[in-house]
N, C-alpha and C. Protein backbone atom coordinates (compact mmCIF):
# COMPACT_ATOMS: atom_id res chain seq x y z
N UNK A 1 -1.51 32.22 39.29
CA UNK A 1 -1.87 31.30 38.22
C UNK A 1 -2.20 29.93 38.80
N UNK A 2 -3.14 29.29 38.16
CA UNK A 2 -3.52 27.95 38.60
C UNK A 2 -3.22 26.97 37.48
N UNK A 3 -3.21 25.72 37.82
CA UNK A 3 -3.02 24.67 36.82
C UNK A 3 -4.22 23.77 36.82
N UNK A 4 -4.60 23.34 35.64
CA UNK A 4 -5.74 22.45 35.50
C UNK A 4 -5.29 21.03 35.79
N UNK A 5 -5.90 20.42 36.75
CA UNK A 5 -5.38 19.15 37.28
C UNK A 5 -5.69 17.94 36.44
N UNK A 6 -5.34 17.96 35.20
CA UNK A 6 -5.55 16.80 34.35
C UNK A 6 -4.33 16.62 33.45
N UNK A 7 -3.67 15.50 33.55
CA UNK A 7 -2.47 15.27 32.76
C UNK A 7 -2.84 15.06 31.30
N UNK A 8 -1.97 15.48 30.43
CA UNK A 8 -2.15 15.33 29.00
C UNK A 8 -1.10 14.36 28.48
N UNK A 9 -1.53 13.39 27.71
CA UNK A 9 -0.59 12.39 27.19
C UNK A 9 -0.48 12.54 25.68
N UNK A 10 0.08 11.51 25.05
CA UNK A 10 0.15 11.49 23.59
C UNK A 10 1.17 12.45 23.06
N UNK A 11 0.74 13.26 22.05
CA UNK A 11 1.68 14.15 21.38
C UNK A 11 2.11 15.31 22.26
N UNK A 12 1.51 15.49 23.42
CA UNK A 12 1.86 16.61 24.30
C UNK A 12 2.46 16.09 25.60
N UNK A 13 3.34 15.08 25.49
CA UNK A 13 3.93 14.49 26.69
C UNK A 13 4.70 15.51 27.51
N UNK A 14 5.30 16.50 26.84
CA UNK A 14 6.12 17.47 27.56
C UNK A 14 5.28 18.45 28.37
N UNK A 15 3.99 18.54 28.07
CA UNK A 15 3.11 19.43 28.81
C UNK A 15 2.31 18.62 29.82
N UNK A 16 2.49 18.90 31.11
CA UNK A 16 1.85 18.09 32.13
C UNK A 16 0.51 18.66 32.59
N UNK A 17 0.35 19.96 32.49
CA UNK A 17 -0.90 20.55 32.96
C UNK A 17 -1.27 21.75 32.09
N UNK A 18 -2.56 21.96 31.97
CA UNK A 18 -3.02 23.17 31.31
C UNK A 18 -2.94 24.34 32.29
N UNK A 19 -2.50 25.47 31.81
CA UNK A 19 -2.34 26.64 32.66
C UNK A 19 -3.59 27.51 32.62
N UNK A 20 -4.26 27.64 33.76
CA UNK A 20 -5.41 28.51 33.88
C UNK A 20 -4.94 29.86 34.39
N UNK A 21 -5.28 30.93 33.66
CA UNK A 21 -4.85 32.26 34.09
C UNK A 21 -6.00 33.11 34.63
N UNK A 22 -7.23 32.61 34.48
CA UNK A 22 -8.38 33.27 35.11
C UNK A 22 -9.53 32.28 35.16
N UNK A 23 -10.32 32.36 36.21
CA UNK A 23 -11.51 31.51 36.31
C UNK A 23 -12.52 32.17 37.23
N UNK A 24 -13.79 32.13 36.84
CA UNK A 24 -14.88 32.52 37.72
C UNK A 24 -16.05 31.58 37.46
N UNK A 25 -17.23 31.94 37.93
CA UNK A 25 -18.37 31.05 37.82
C UNK A 25 -18.85 30.87 36.38
N UNK A 26 -18.49 31.82 35.50
CA UNK A 26 -19.02 31.78 34.14
C UNK A 26 -18.04 31.25 33.11
N UNK A 27 -16.73 31.34 33.38
CA UNK A 27 -15.76 31.00 32.34
C UNK A 27 -14.43 30.59 32.94
N UNK A 28 -13.59 30.05 32.08
CA UNK A 28 -12.20 29.78 32.41
C UNK A 28 -11.36 30.27 31.24
N UNK A 29 -10.24 30.91 31.55
CA UNK A 29 -9.33 31.41 30.52
C UNK A 29 -8.03 30.64 30.63
N UNK A 30 -7.64 30.03 29.52
CA UNK A 30 -6.50 29.11 29.50
C UNK A 30 -5.41 29.65 28.59
N UNK A 31 -4.17 29.50 29.02
CA UNK A 31 -3.01 29.81 28.18
C UNK A 31 -2.69 28.55 27.38
N UNK A 32 -3.29 28.44 26.19
CA UNK A 32 -3.19 27.23 25.38
C UNK A 32 -1.79 27.06 24.81
N UNK A 33 -1.22 25.86 24.90
CA UNK A 33 0.08 25.63 24.28
C UNK A 33 -0.05 25.42 22.77
N UNK A 34 0.99 25.78 22.05
CA UNK A 34 1.04 25.47 20.62
C UNK A 34 1.00 23.97 20.43
N UNK A 35 0.30 23.53 19.38
CA UNK A 35 0.19 22.11 19.09
C UNK A 35 -1.08 21.47 19.60
N UNK A 36 -1.81 22.17 20.45
CA UNK A 36 -3.06 21.64 20.99
C UNK A 36 -4.23 22.26 20.24
N UNK A 37 -5.04 21.43 19.58
CA UNK A 37 -6.23 21.93 18.89
C UNK A 37 -7.26 22.37 19.92
N UNK A 38 -8.00 23.42 19.61
CA UNK A 38 -9.05 23.88 20.52
C UNK A 38 -10.24 22.94 20.47
N UNK A 39 -10.59 22.48 19.29
CA UNK A 39 -11.79 21.65 19.11
C UNK A 39 -11.42 20.33 18.44
N UNK A 40 -12.01 19.27 18.93
CA UNK A 40 -11.77 17.96 18.35
C UNK A 40 -12.44 17.80 17.00
N UNK A 41 -12.01 16.78 16.27
CA UNK A 41 -12.58 16.52 14.96
C UNK A 41 -11.83 15.38 14.30
N UNK A 42 -12.08 15.18 13.03
CA UNK A 42 -11.45 14.10 12.29
C UNK A 42 -9.94 14.26 12.30
N UNK A 43 -9.25 13.22 12.71
CA UNK A 43 -7.80 13.24 12.72
C UNK A 43 -7.17 13.94 13.91
N UNK A 44 -7.98 14.42 14.84
CA UNK A 44 -7.47 15.12 16.02
C UNK A 44 -7.65 14.22 17.24
N UNK A 45 -6.54 13.76 17.79
CA UNK A 45 -6.63 12.84 18.92
C UNK A 45 -6.83 13.53 20.25
N UNK A 46 -6.18 14.70 20.41
CA UNK A 46 -6.26 15.43 21.68
C UNK A 46 -6.68 16.86 21.37
N UNK A 47 -7.64 17.38 22.11
CA UNK A 47 -8.10 18.75 21.91
C UNK A 47 -8.49 19.36 23.25
N UNK A 48 -8.50 20.67 23.29
CA UNK A 48 -8.84 21.37 24.53
C UNK A 48 -10.25 21.03 24.99
N UNK A 49 -11.21 21.02 24.07
CA UNK A 49 -12.58 20.75 24.49
C UNK A 49 -12.74 19.33 25.02
N UNK A 50 -11.99 18.38 24.45
CA UNK A 50 -12.08 17.00 24.97
C UNK A 50 -11.44 16.87 26.35
N UNK A 51 -10.33 17.57 26.55
CA UNK A 51 -9.69 17.55 27.86
C UNK A 51 -10.62 18.10 28.93
N UNK A 52 -11.25 19.24 28.62
CA UNK A 52 -12.17 19.84 29.59
C UNK A 52 -13.41 18.97 29.80
N UNK A 53 -13.88 18.34 28.74
CA UNK A 53 -15.06 17.47 28.86
C UNK A 53 -14.80 16.30 29.80
N UNK A 54 -13.55 15.81 29.83
CA UNK A 54 -13.21 14.71 30.73
C UNK A 54 -13.18 15.15 32.18
N UNK A 55 -12.89 16.44 32.40
CA UNK A 55 -12.78 16.94 33.77
C UNK A 55 -14.10 17.51 34.28
N UNK A 56 -14.92 18.05 33.39
CA UNK A 56 -16.20 18.61 33.79
C UNK A 56 -17.29 17.55 33.62
N UNK A 57 -18.47 17.87 34.09
CA UNK A 57 -19.60 16.95 33.94
C UNK A 57 -20.34 17.17 32.62
N UNK A 58 -19.84 18.08 31.80
CA UNK A 58 -20.47 18.37 30.51
C UNK A 58 -19.39 18.90 29.57
N UNK A 59 -19.71 18.97 28.31
CA UNK A 59 -18.76 19.52 27.35
C UNK A 59 -18.66 21.03 27.52
N UNK A 60 -17.48 21.60 27.31
CA UNK A 60 -17.31 23.05 27.45
C UNK A 60 -17.98 23.79 26.29
N UNK A 61 -18.20 25.07 26.48
CA UNK A 61 -18.79 25.92 25.45
C UNK A 61 -17.69 26.84 24.92
N UNK A 62 -17.25 26.57 23.70
CA UNK A 62 -16.17 27.35 23.10
C UNK A 62 -16.70 28.68 22.59
N UNK A 63 -16.11 29.76 23.05
CA UNK A 63 -16.55 31.10 22.66
C UNK A 63 -15.79 31.59 21.43
N UNK A 64 -14.51 31.28 21.35
CA UNK A 64 -13.70 31.66 20.20
C UNK A 64 -12.63 30.59 20.00
N UNK A 65 -11.85 30.73 18.96
CA UNK A 65 -10.88 29.69 18.59
C UNK A 65 -9.49 30.29 18.43
N UNK A 66 -8.50 29.43 18.53
CA UNK A 66 -7.13 29.73 18.11
C UNK A 66 -6.68 28.60 17.20
N UNK A 67 -5.81 28.93 16.24
CA UNK A 67 -5.20 27.87 15.44
C UNK A 67 -4.49 26.88 16.34
N UNK A 68 -4.41 25.65 15.90
CA UNK A 68 -3.67 24.64 16.65
C UNK A 68 -2.23 25.10 16.93
N UNK A 69 -1.59 25.74 15.94
CA UNK A 69 -0.19 26.10 16.08
C UNK A 69 0.03 27.40 16.86
N UNK A 70 -1.03 28.14 17.13
CA UNK A 70 -0.92 29.40 17.87
C UNK A 70 -1.10 29.15 19.36
N UNK A 71 -0.23 29.73 20.16
CA UNK A 71 -0.36 29.61 21.62
C UNK A 71 -1.12 30.81 22.17
N UNK A 72 -1.55 30.68 23.43
CA UNK A 72 -2.10 31.84 24.11
C UNK A 72 -3.54 31.71 24.58
N UNK A 73 -4.17 32.86 24.75
CA UNK A 73 -5.42 32.99 25.49
C UNK A 73 -6.62 32.39 24.74
N UNK A 74 -7.33 31.51 25.44
CA UNK A 74 -8.61 30.97 24.97
C UNK A 74 -9.60 31.07 26.13
N UNK A 75 -10.74 31.68 25.88
CA UNK A 75 -11.81 31.77 26.88
C UNK A 75 -12.86 30.71 26.58
N UNK A 76 -13.19 29.93 27.60
CA UNK A 76 -14.19 28.87 27.48
C UNK A 76 -15.29 29.11 28.50
N UNK A 77 -16.53 29.14 28.04
CA UNK A 77 -17.65 29.37 28.94
C UNK A 77 -18.06 28.08 29.63
N UNK A 78 -18.59 28.22 30.84
CA UNK A 78 -18.99 27.05 31.63
C UNK A 78 -20.46 26.69 31.44
N UNK A 79 -21.28 27.65 31.02
CA UNK A 79 -22.70 27.39 30.85
C UNK A 79 -23.15 27.89 29.48
N UNK A 80 -24.29 27.38 29.04
CA UNK A 80 -24.83 27.80 27.74
C UNK A 80 -25.17 29.28 27.76
N UNK A 81 -25.70 29.77 28.88
CA UNK A 81 -26.07 31.17 28.99
C UNK A 81 -24.84 32.07 28.92
N UNK A 82 -23.79 31.67 29.63
CA UNK A 82 -22.55 32.46 29.59
C UNK A 82 -21.94 32.45 28.19
N UNK A 83 -22.01 31.31 27.52
CA UNK A 83 -21.47 31.21 26.16
C UNK A 83 -22.20 32.17 25.22
N UNK A 84 -23.51 32.24 25.32
CA UNK A 84 -24.28 33.14 24.46
C UNK A 84 -23.91 34.60 24.73
N UNK A 85 -23.76 34.93 26.00
CA UNK A 85 -23.41 36.31 26.36
C UNK A 85 -22.01 36.68 25.90
N UNK A 86 -21.04 35.79 26.11
CA UNK A 86 -19.67 36.07 25.67
C UNK A 86 -19.58 36.09 24.15
N UNK A 87 -20.32 35.24 23.48
CA UNK A 87 -20.30 35.21 22.02
C UNK A 87 -20.79 36.53 21.45
N UNK A 88 -21.81 37.11 22.07
CA UNK A 88 -22.29 38.43 21.62
C UNK A 88 -21.20 39.48 21.80
N UNK A 89 -20.48 39.42 22.91
CA UNK A 89 -19.40 40.38 23.15
C UNK A 89 -18.29 40.22 22.12
N UNK A 90 -17.89 38.97 21.86
CA UNK A 90 -16.78 38.72 20.94
C UNK A 90 -17.15 39.08 19.50
N UNK A 91 -18.42 39.04 19.16
CA UNK A 91 -18.83 39.39 17.80
C UNK A 91 -18.96 40.90 17.62
N UNK A 92 -18.88 41.65 18.71
CA UNK A 92 -18.97 43.10 18.65
C UNK A 92 -17.60 43.75 18.52
N UNK A 93 -17.54 45.03 18.87
CA UNK A 93 -16.30 45.80 18.68
C UNK A 93 -15.61 46.17 19.99
N UNK A 94 -16.14 45.72 21.12
CA UNK A 94 -15.57 46.16 22.39
C UNK A 94 -14.45 45.25 22.90
N UNK A 95 -14.50 43.97 22.55
CA UNK A 95 -13.48 43.04 23.02
C UNK A 95 -12.20 43.22 22.19
N UNK A 96 -11.07 43.31 22.89
CA UNK A 96 -9.77 43.50 22.23
C UNK A 96 -8.95 42.23 22.40
N UNK A 97 -8.49 41.67 21.27
CA UNK A 97 -7.61 40.49 21.28
C UNK A 97 -6.28 40.88 20.66
N UNK A 98 -5.23 40.81 21.47
CA UNK A 98 -3.91 41.21 20.98
C UNK A 98 -2.98 40.00 20.91
N UNK A 99 -2.09 40.06 19.93
CA UNK A 99 -1.16 38.97 19.66
C UNK A 99 0.27 39.52 19.60
N UNK A 100 1.22 38.66 19.88
CA UNK A 100 2.62 38.96 19.67
C UNK A 100 3.16 37.98 18.63
N UNK A 101 3.99 38.48 17.73
CA UNK A 101 4.56 37.63 16.69
C UNK A 101 5.98 38.08 16.39
N UNK A 102 6.79 37.15 15.93
CA UNK A 102 8.11 37.46 15.40
C UNK A 102 8.11 37.07 13.94
N UNK A 103 8.41 38.02 13.07
CA UNK A 103 8.28 37.80 11.64
C UNK A 103 9.57 38.14 10.90
N UNK A 104 9.61 37.74 9.69
CA UNK A 104 10.75 38.01 8.82
C UNK A 104 10.73 39.47 8.37
N UNK A 105 11.91 40.09 8.33
CA UNK A 105 12.04 41.42 7.74
C UNK A 105 11.43 42.53 8.58
N UNK A 106 11.12 43.63 7.90
CA UNK A 106 10.62 44.83 8.56
C UNK A 106 9.34 45.30 7.86
N UNK A 107 8.33 45.68 8.62
CA UNK A 107 7.15 46.28 7.98
C UNK A 107 7.50 47.64 7.40
N UNK A 108 6.70 48.12 6.47
CA UNK A 108 6.98 49.39 5.81
C UNK A 108 6.93 50.56 6.79
N UNK A 109 6.02 50.48 7.76
CA UNK A 109 5.86 51.55 8.74
C UNK A 109 5.93 50.97 10.15
N UNK A 110 6.19 51.83 11.13
CA UNK A 110 6.28 51.38 12.52
C UNK A 110 4.95 50.90 13.05
N UNK A 111 3.87 51.41 12.52
CA UNK A 111 2.53 50.91 12.88
C UNK A 111 1.57 51.25 11.76
N UNK A 112 0.51 50.47 11.69
CA UNK A 112 -0.45 50.70 10.63
C UNK A 112 -1.52 49.63 10.61
N UNK A 113 -2.27 49.59 9.54
CA UNK A 113 -3.35 48.62 9.36
C UNK A 113 -3.14 47.88 8.05
N UNK A 114 -3.12 46.56 8.12
CA UNK A 114 -3.09 45.73 6.91
C UNK A 114 -4.54 45.49 6.51
N UNK A 115 -4.91 46.00 5.35
CA UNK A 115 -6.28 45.84 4.86
C UNK A 115 -6.23 45.11 3.52
N UNK A 116 -6.34 43.80 3.60
CA UNK A 116 -6.24 42.96 2.41
C UNK A 116 -7.36 41.92 2.44
N UNK A 117 -8.05 41.79 1.33
CA UNK A 117 -9.13 40.80 1.25
C UNK A 117 -8.55 39.39 1.31
N UNK A 118 -9.32 38.49 1.91
CA UNK A 118 -8.92 37.09 2.02
C UNK A 118 -9.99 36.20 1.40
N UNK A 119 -9.54 35.15 0.75
CA UNK A 119 -10.46 34.16 0.21
C UNK A 119 -10.81 33.17 1.31
N UNK A 120 -12.07 33.13 1.69
CA UNK A 120 -12.55 32.23 2.74
C UNK A 120 -13.57 31.29 2.12
N UNK A 121 -13.13 30.05 1.88
CA UNK A 121 -14.00 29.03 1.29
C UNK A 121 -14.67 29.52 0.01
N UNK A 122 -13.86 30.15 -0.84
CA UNK A 122 -14.36 30.59 -2.14
C UNK A 122 -15.03 31.94 -2.15
N UNK A 123 -15.13 32.60 -1.00
CA UNK A 123 -15.73 33.92 -0.92
C UNK A 123 -14.69 34.94 -0.50
N UNK A 124 -14.72 36.11 -1.13
CA UNK A 124 -13.78 37.18 -0.79
C UNK A 124 -14.31 37.97 0.40
N UNK A 125 -13.48 38.05 1.45
CA UNK A 125 -13.89 38.72 2.68
C UNK A 125 -12.93 39.87 3.00
N UNK A 126 -13.49 41.03 3.28
CA UNK A 126 -12.66 42.15 3.71
C UNK A 126 -12.06 41.83 5.08
N UNK A 127 -10.78 42.15 5.25
CA UNK A 127 -10.07 41.76 6.46
C UNK A 127 -9.06 42.83 6.84
N UNK A 128 -9.01 43.17 8.13
CA UNK A 128 -8.06 44.17 8.59
C UNK A 128 -7.32 43.66 9.83
N UNK A 129 -6.03 43.95 9.88
CA UNK A 129 -5.19 43.62 11.02
C UNK A 129 -4.35 44.83 11.37
N UNK A 130 -4.47 45.30 12.60
CA UNK A 130 -3.62 46.40 13.06
C UNK A 130 -2.30 45.84 13.58
N UNK A 131 -1.24 46.59 13.37
CA UNK A 131 0.05 46.12 13.87
C UNK A 131 0.86 47.30 14.43
N UNK A 132 1.77 46.96 15.31
CA UNK A 132 2.70 47.94 15.89
C UNK A 132 4.05 47.28 16.04
N UNK A 133 5.08 47.90 15.53
CA UNK A 133 6.44 47.38 15.63
C UNK A 133 6.98 47.61 17.03
N UNK A 134 7.40 46.53 17.69
CA UNK A 134 7.94 46.63 19.04
C UNK A 134 9.46 46.65 19.05
N UNK A 135 10.09 46.17 17.98
CA UNK A 135 11.55 46.17 17.94
C UNK A 135 12.08 45.20 16.91
N UNK A 136 13.39 45.28 16.69
CA UNK A 136 14.06 44.42 15.73
C UNK A 136 14.90 43.38 16.47
N UNK A 137 15.12 42.26 15.81
CA UNK A 137 15.85 41.13 16.40
C UNK A 137 16.81 40.57 15.36
N UNK A 138 17.94 40.05 15.82
CA UNK A 138 18.83 39.30 14.95
C UNK A 138 19.85 40.16 14.24
N UNK A 139 20.76 39.50 13.52
CA UNK A 139 21.80 40.23 12.79
C UNK A 139 21.19 41.12 11.72
N UNK A 140 21.66 42.35 11.68
CA UNK A 140 21.18 43.34 10.71
C UNK A 140 19.66 43.52 10.79
N UNK A 141 19.13 43.35 12.01
CA UNK A 141 17.68 43.53 12.22
C UNK A 141 16.87 42.70 11.24
N UNK A 142 17.23 41.43 11.13
CA UNK A 142 16.60 40.56 10.13
C UNK A 142 15.15 40.24 10.45
N UNK A 143 14.77 40.32 11.73
CA UNK A 143 13.43 39.94 12.15
C UNK A 143 12.79 41.07 12.95
N UNK A 144 11.46 41.06 12.99
CA UNK A 144 10.71 42.08 13.71
C UNK A 144 9.79 41.45 14.75
N UNK A 145 9.67 42.13 15.87
CA UNK A 145 8.70 41.74 16.89
C UNK A 145 7.50 42.66 16.76
N UNK A 146 6.33 42.07 16.57
CA UNK A 146 5.12 42.86 16.32
C UNK A 146 4.05 42.59 17.36
N UNK A 147 3.28 43.64 17.68
CA UNK A 147 2.02 43.48 18.40
C UNK A 147 0.91 43.65 17.38
N UNK A 148 -0.06 42.75 17.41
CA UNK A 148 -1.12 42.75 16.40
C UNK A 148 -2.49 42.70 17.06
N UNK A 149 -3.45 43.28 16.36
CA UNK A 149 -4.82 43.29 16.87
C UNK A 149 -5.78 43.06 15.71
N UNK A 150 -6.70 42.15 15.90
CA UNK A 150 -7.63 41.80 14.83
C UNK A 150 -8.72 42.85 14.68
N UNK A 151 -8.89 43.32 13.44
CA UNK A 151 -10.05 44.14 13.13
C UNK A 151 -11.19 43.29 12.62
N UNK A 152 -10.85 42.11 12.10
CA UNK A 152 -11.82 41.10 11.69
C UNK A 152 -11.22 39.76 12.09
N UNK A 153 -12.02 38.72 12.06
CA UNK A 153 -11.54 37.45 12.59
C UNK A 153 -11.61 36.31 11.59
N UNK A 154 -10.87 36.44 10.49
CA UNK A 154 -10.88 35.40 9.47
C UNK A 154 -9.91 34.27 9.83
N UNK A 155 -10.14 33.12 9.21
CA UNK A 155 -9.27 31.97 9.46
C UNK A 155 -7.82 32.29 9.08
N UNK A 156 -6.89 32.06 10.02
CA UNK A 156 -5.46 32.27 9.79
C UNK A 156 -5.16 33.70 9.35
N UNK A 157 -5.98 34.65 9.79
CA UNK A 157 -5.88 36.01 9.25
C UNK A 157 -4.51 36.64 9.46
N UNK A 158 -4.00 36.62 10.68
CA UNK A 158 -2.72 37.26 10.95
C UNK A 158 -1.62 36.59 10.15
N UNK A 159 -1.61 35.29 10.13
CA UNK A 159 -0.59 34.55 9.39
C UNK A 159 -0.64 34.90 7.90
N UNK A 160 -1.82 34.95 7.35
CA UNK A 160 -1.97 35.22 5.92
C UNK A 160 -1.62 36.67 5.60
N UNK A 161 -2.09 37.60 6.42
CA UNK A 161 -1.80 39.00 6.16
C UNK A 161 -0.29 39.29 6.20
N UNK A 162 0.41 38.77 7.19
CA UNK A 162 1.84 39.02 7.27
C UNK A 162 2.60 38.35 6.12
N UNK A 163 2.15 37.18 5.71
CA UNK A 163 2.77 36.54 4.55
C UNK A 163 2.54 37.37 3.28
N UNK A 164 1.35 37.93 3.16
CA UNK A 164 1.02 38.72 1.97
C UNK A 164 1.80 40.03 1.89
N UNK A 165 2.21 40.55 3.04
CA UNK A 165 2.99 41.80 3.06
C UNK A 165 4.49 41.55 2.99
N UNK A 166 4.89 40.28 2.88
CA UNK A 166 6.31 39.96 2.80
C UNK A 166 6.99 39.80 4.13
N UNK A 167 6.20 39.69 5.20
CA UNK A 167 6.75 39.53 6.56
C UNK A 167 6.17 38.30 7.24
N UNK A 168 6.38 37.11 6.66
CA UNK A 168 5.77 35.91 7.24
C UNK A 168 6.28 35.63 8.65
N UNK A 169 5.41 35.04 9.46
CA UNK A 169 5.78 34.70 10.83
C UNK A 169 6.76 33.54 10.82
N UNK A 170 7.78 33.63 11.66
CA UNK A 170 8.77 32.57 11.74
C UNK A 170 8.12 31.29 12.24
N UNK A 171 8.50 30.18 11.66
CA UNK A 171 7.96 28.89 12.05
C UNK A 171 6.61 28.56 11.44
N UNK A 172 6.10 29.41 10.56
CA UNK A 172 4.81 29.14 9.92
C UNK A 172 5.00 28.15 8.78
N UNK A 173 4.53 26.92 8.97
CA UNK A 173 4.74 25.88 7.97
C UNK A 173 3.62 25.83 6.93
N UNK A 174 2.72 26.80 6.95
CA UNK A 174 1.64 26.84 5.97
C UNK A 174 1.75 28.05 5.05
N UNK A 175 2.09 29.21 5.61
CA UNK A 175 2.17 30.44 4.83
C UNK A 175 3.56 31.08 4.88
N UNK A 176 4.50 30.46 5.57
CA UNK A 176 5.76 31.09 5.85
C UNK A 176 6.83 30.95 4.78
N UNK A 177 8.02 31.40 5.12
CA UNK A 177 9.21 31.27 4.28
C UNK A 177 9.82 29.91 4.58
N UNK A 178 9.57 28.92 3.75
CA UNK A 178 9.95 27.55 4.06
C UNK A 178 11.46 27.34 4.13
N UNK A 179 12.26 27.90 3.21
CA UNK A 179 13.72 27.75 3.36
C UNK A 179 14.24 28.38 4.65
N UNK A 180 13.70 29.54 5.01
CA UNK A 180 14.12 30.18 6.27
C UNK A 180 13.72 29.32 7.46
N UNK A 181 12.53 28.77 7.43
CA UNK A 181 12.08 27.91 8.53
C UNK A 181 12.99 26.69 8.68
N UNK A 182 13.37 26.10 7.56
CA UNK A 182 14.27 24.94 7.62
C UNK A 182 15.62 25.35 8.21
N UNK A 183 16.10 26.51 7.82
CA UNK A 183 17.38 26.99 8.36
C UNK A 183 17.28 27.22 9.87
N UNK A 184 16.20 27.84 10.32
CA UNK A 184 16.05 28.13 11.75
C UNK A 184 15.85 26.85 12.56
N UNK A 185 15.16 25.90 11.97
CA UNK A 185 14.99 24.61 12.66
C UNK A 185 16.34 23.93 12.87
N UNK A 186 17.18 24.00 11.86
CA UNK A 186 18.49 23.37 11.96
C UNK A 186 19.44 24.16 12.84
N UNK A 187 19.42 25.49 12.70
CA UNK A 187 20.40 26.34 13.39
C UNK A 187 20.09 26.54 14.87
N UNK A 188 18.81 26.75 15.20
CA UNK A 188 18.47 27.06 16.60
C UNK A 188 17.34 26.18 17.15
N UNK A 189 16.97 25.15 16.40
CA UNK A 189 15.94 24.20 16.85
C UNK A 189 14.57 24.85 16.99
N UNK A 190 14.24 25.80 16.13
CA UNK A 190 12.92 26.40 16.16
C UNK A 190 11.90 25.42 15.60
N UNK A 191 10.94 25.03 16.43
CA UNK A 191 9.96 24.02 16.03
C UNK A 191 8.52 24.52 16.13
N UNK A 192 8.34 25.78 16.48
CA UNK A 192 6.99 26.29 16.72
C UNK A 192 6.73 27.57 15.93
N UNK A 193 5.46 27.80 15.66
CA UNK A 193 5.01 29.07 15.10
C UNK A 193 5.17 30.16 16.16
N UNK A 194 5.79 31.27 15.79
CA UNK A 194 6.02 32.35 16.76
C UNK A 194 4.88 33.36 16.72
N UNK A 195 3.70 32.87 17.09
CA UNK A 195 2.49 33.69 17.20
C UNK A 195 1.79 33.31 18.48
N UNK A 196 1.50 34.32 19.31
CA UNK A 196 0.97 34.09 20.65
C UNK A 196 -0.17 35.06 20.94
N UNK A 197 -1.33 34.54 21.32
CA UNK A 197 -2.45 35.38 21.76
C UNK A 197 -2.14 35.86 23.17
N UNK A 198 -1.67 37.09 23.28
CA UNK A 198 -1.03 37.56 24.51
C UNK A 198 -1.94 38.30 25.47
N UNK A 199 -3.00 38.93 24.96
CA UNK A 199 -3.81 39.77 25.84
C UNK A 199 -5.26 39.77 25.40
N UNK A 200 -6.15 39.76 26.38
CA UNK A 200 -7.60 39.82 26.14
C UNK A 200 -8.19 40.89 27.05
N UNK A 201 -8.87 41.86 26.43
CA UNK A 201 -9.49 42.95 27.19
C UNK A 201 -10.99 42.92 26.93
N UNK A 202 -11.76 42.78 28.00
CA UNK A 202 -13.22 42.81 27.92
C UNK A 202 -13.69 43.93 28.86
N UNK A 203 -14.09 45.07 28.30
CA UNK A 203 -14.45 46.21 29.16
C UNK A 203 -15.57 45.91 30.14
N UNK A 204 -16.53 45.08 29.71
CA UNK A 204 -17.62 44.71 30.61
C UNK A 204 -18.07 43.29 30.29
N UNK A 205 -17.87 42.39 31.24
CA UNK A 205 -18.26 40.99 31.07
C UNK A 205 -19.75 40.84 31.31
N UNK A 206 -20.32 39.67 31.01
CA UNK A 206 -21.73 39.45 31.31
C UNK A 206 -22.06 39.65 32.80
N UNK A 207 -21.06 39.47 33.66
CA UNK A 207 -21.28 39.67 35.10
C UNK A 207 -21.14 41.11 35.54
N UNK A 208 -20.78 42.00 34.60
CA UNK A 208 -20.69 43.42 34.92
C UNK A 208 -19.31 43.91 35.31
N UNK A 209 -18.34 43.01 35.37
CA UNK A 209 -16.98 43.41 35.70
C UNK A 209 -16.16 43.57 34.42
N UNK A 210 -14.93 44.03 34.55
CA UNK A 210 -14.04 44.14 33.41
C UNK A 210 -12.90 43.14 33.55
N UNK A 211 -12.36 42.71 32.42
CA UNK A 211 -11.23 41.78 32.41
C UNK A 211 -10.12 42.34 31.54
N UNK A 212 -8.91 42.24 32.03
CA UNK A 212 -7.73 42.58 31.24
C UNK A 212 -6.69 41.51 31.59
N UNK A 213 -6.58 40.51 30.73
CA UNK A 213 -5.80 39.31 31.02
C UNK A 213 -4.63 39.20 30.06
N UNK A 214 -3.46 38.89 30.59
CA UNK A 214 -2.28 38.66 29.77
C UNK A 214 -1.77 37.25 29.99
N UNK A 215 -1.25 36.65 28.93
CA UNK A 215 -0.70 35.29 29.00
C UNK A 215 0.80 35.35 28.73
N UNK A 216 1.62 34.80 29.62
CA UNK A 216 3.07 34.82 29.40
C UNK A 216 3.46 34.07 28.15
N UNK A 217 4.55 34.52 27.54
CA UNK A 217 5.05 33.89 26.31
C UNK A 217 5.61 32.51 26.58
N UNK A 218 5.47 31.59 25.65
CA UNK A 218 6.14 30.29 25.78
C UNK A 218 7.66 30.47 25.79
N UNK A 219 8.34 29.50 26.36
CA UNK A 219 9.79 29.58 26.50
C UNK A 219 10.51 29.69 25.16
N UNK A 220 9.97 29.06 24.12
CA UNK A 220 10.69 29.06 22.84
C UNK A 220 10.77 30.44 22.20
N UNK A 221 9.98 31.41 22.66
CA UNK A 221 10.15 32.78 22.18
C UNK A 221 11.50 33.35 22.61
N UNK A 222 12.10 32.74 23.64
CA UNK A 222 13.40 33.22 24.12
C UNK A 222 14.52 32.90 23.13
N UNK A 223 14.23 32.12 22.10
CA UNK A 223 15.21 31.93 21.03
C UNK A 223 15.50 33.25 20.32
N UNK A 224 14.58 34.22 20.48
CA UNK A 224 14.72 35.54 19.87
C UNK A 224 14.55 36.61 20.96
N UNK A 225 15.54 36.74 21.87
CA UNK A 225 15.40 37.68 23.00
C UNK A 225 15.44 39.14 22.55
C-alpha cells in the first residue's frame, strides 16, 4: 500500500494521508475515509477531487462516487480517455462493487435480493441490491454483518434499501434508527456510518488486464468484532 503525499487539514485533522491501494498509468484507487466528500461543491470545504487537483497538474476525472459518510474504494482516472473507458465499464454489468455493512436486526433470509423502487428527484426508479448475511453481532444477535452488491446505482441506495426492510445501517444519521444511533454514540462512541466499499472487481480494464482490489475496514468497525 502507498500513501498519497499530501496532508489534509480542517475537519479531517486525524487523517494525515490518503491511502492509495492501487495505481497505474490510467487510474488511482483510493481507500476513501468516511467524512470526506468525493466531489467539491457548495458548502464543501475539503473534497477528494480538490485534494488530487492540488497534487496533480490537472483536475482528476471522477469515474464513480461514494457518499461522504461511506468509506472505501474510489477509482479516479488520470486522463480524459481513461475516464471515458472506465465510465463505460462502470455503466455496464461486468464491474462488481461490493460493500460491507453492519445493520440493525436480522434480514429475513441469509441471502437474497432487495428489489424496491426508489424516488430519485421525483421519479420512481427500479432498484436492486443483493445481500449476503456474514454473521450476527452483539447481545442476542442484535446486529447483522452483511455483504452487499449493487444491481443498480441509485443515490444512497444501500442505505435506503436496508432502512426500508427494517435493517438500517448503524450510524446512519439520514435513514437510520435515530434512538439506537444516539444510544450507540453514548455507549461505545460510534460516530461513523458502518458502510464500507470493500471490493472492486473489473474483469478487463481498458488496458486489457483484470483488477480485483480490496480495501481494509476502518478501525471503528472493530467496535463490532
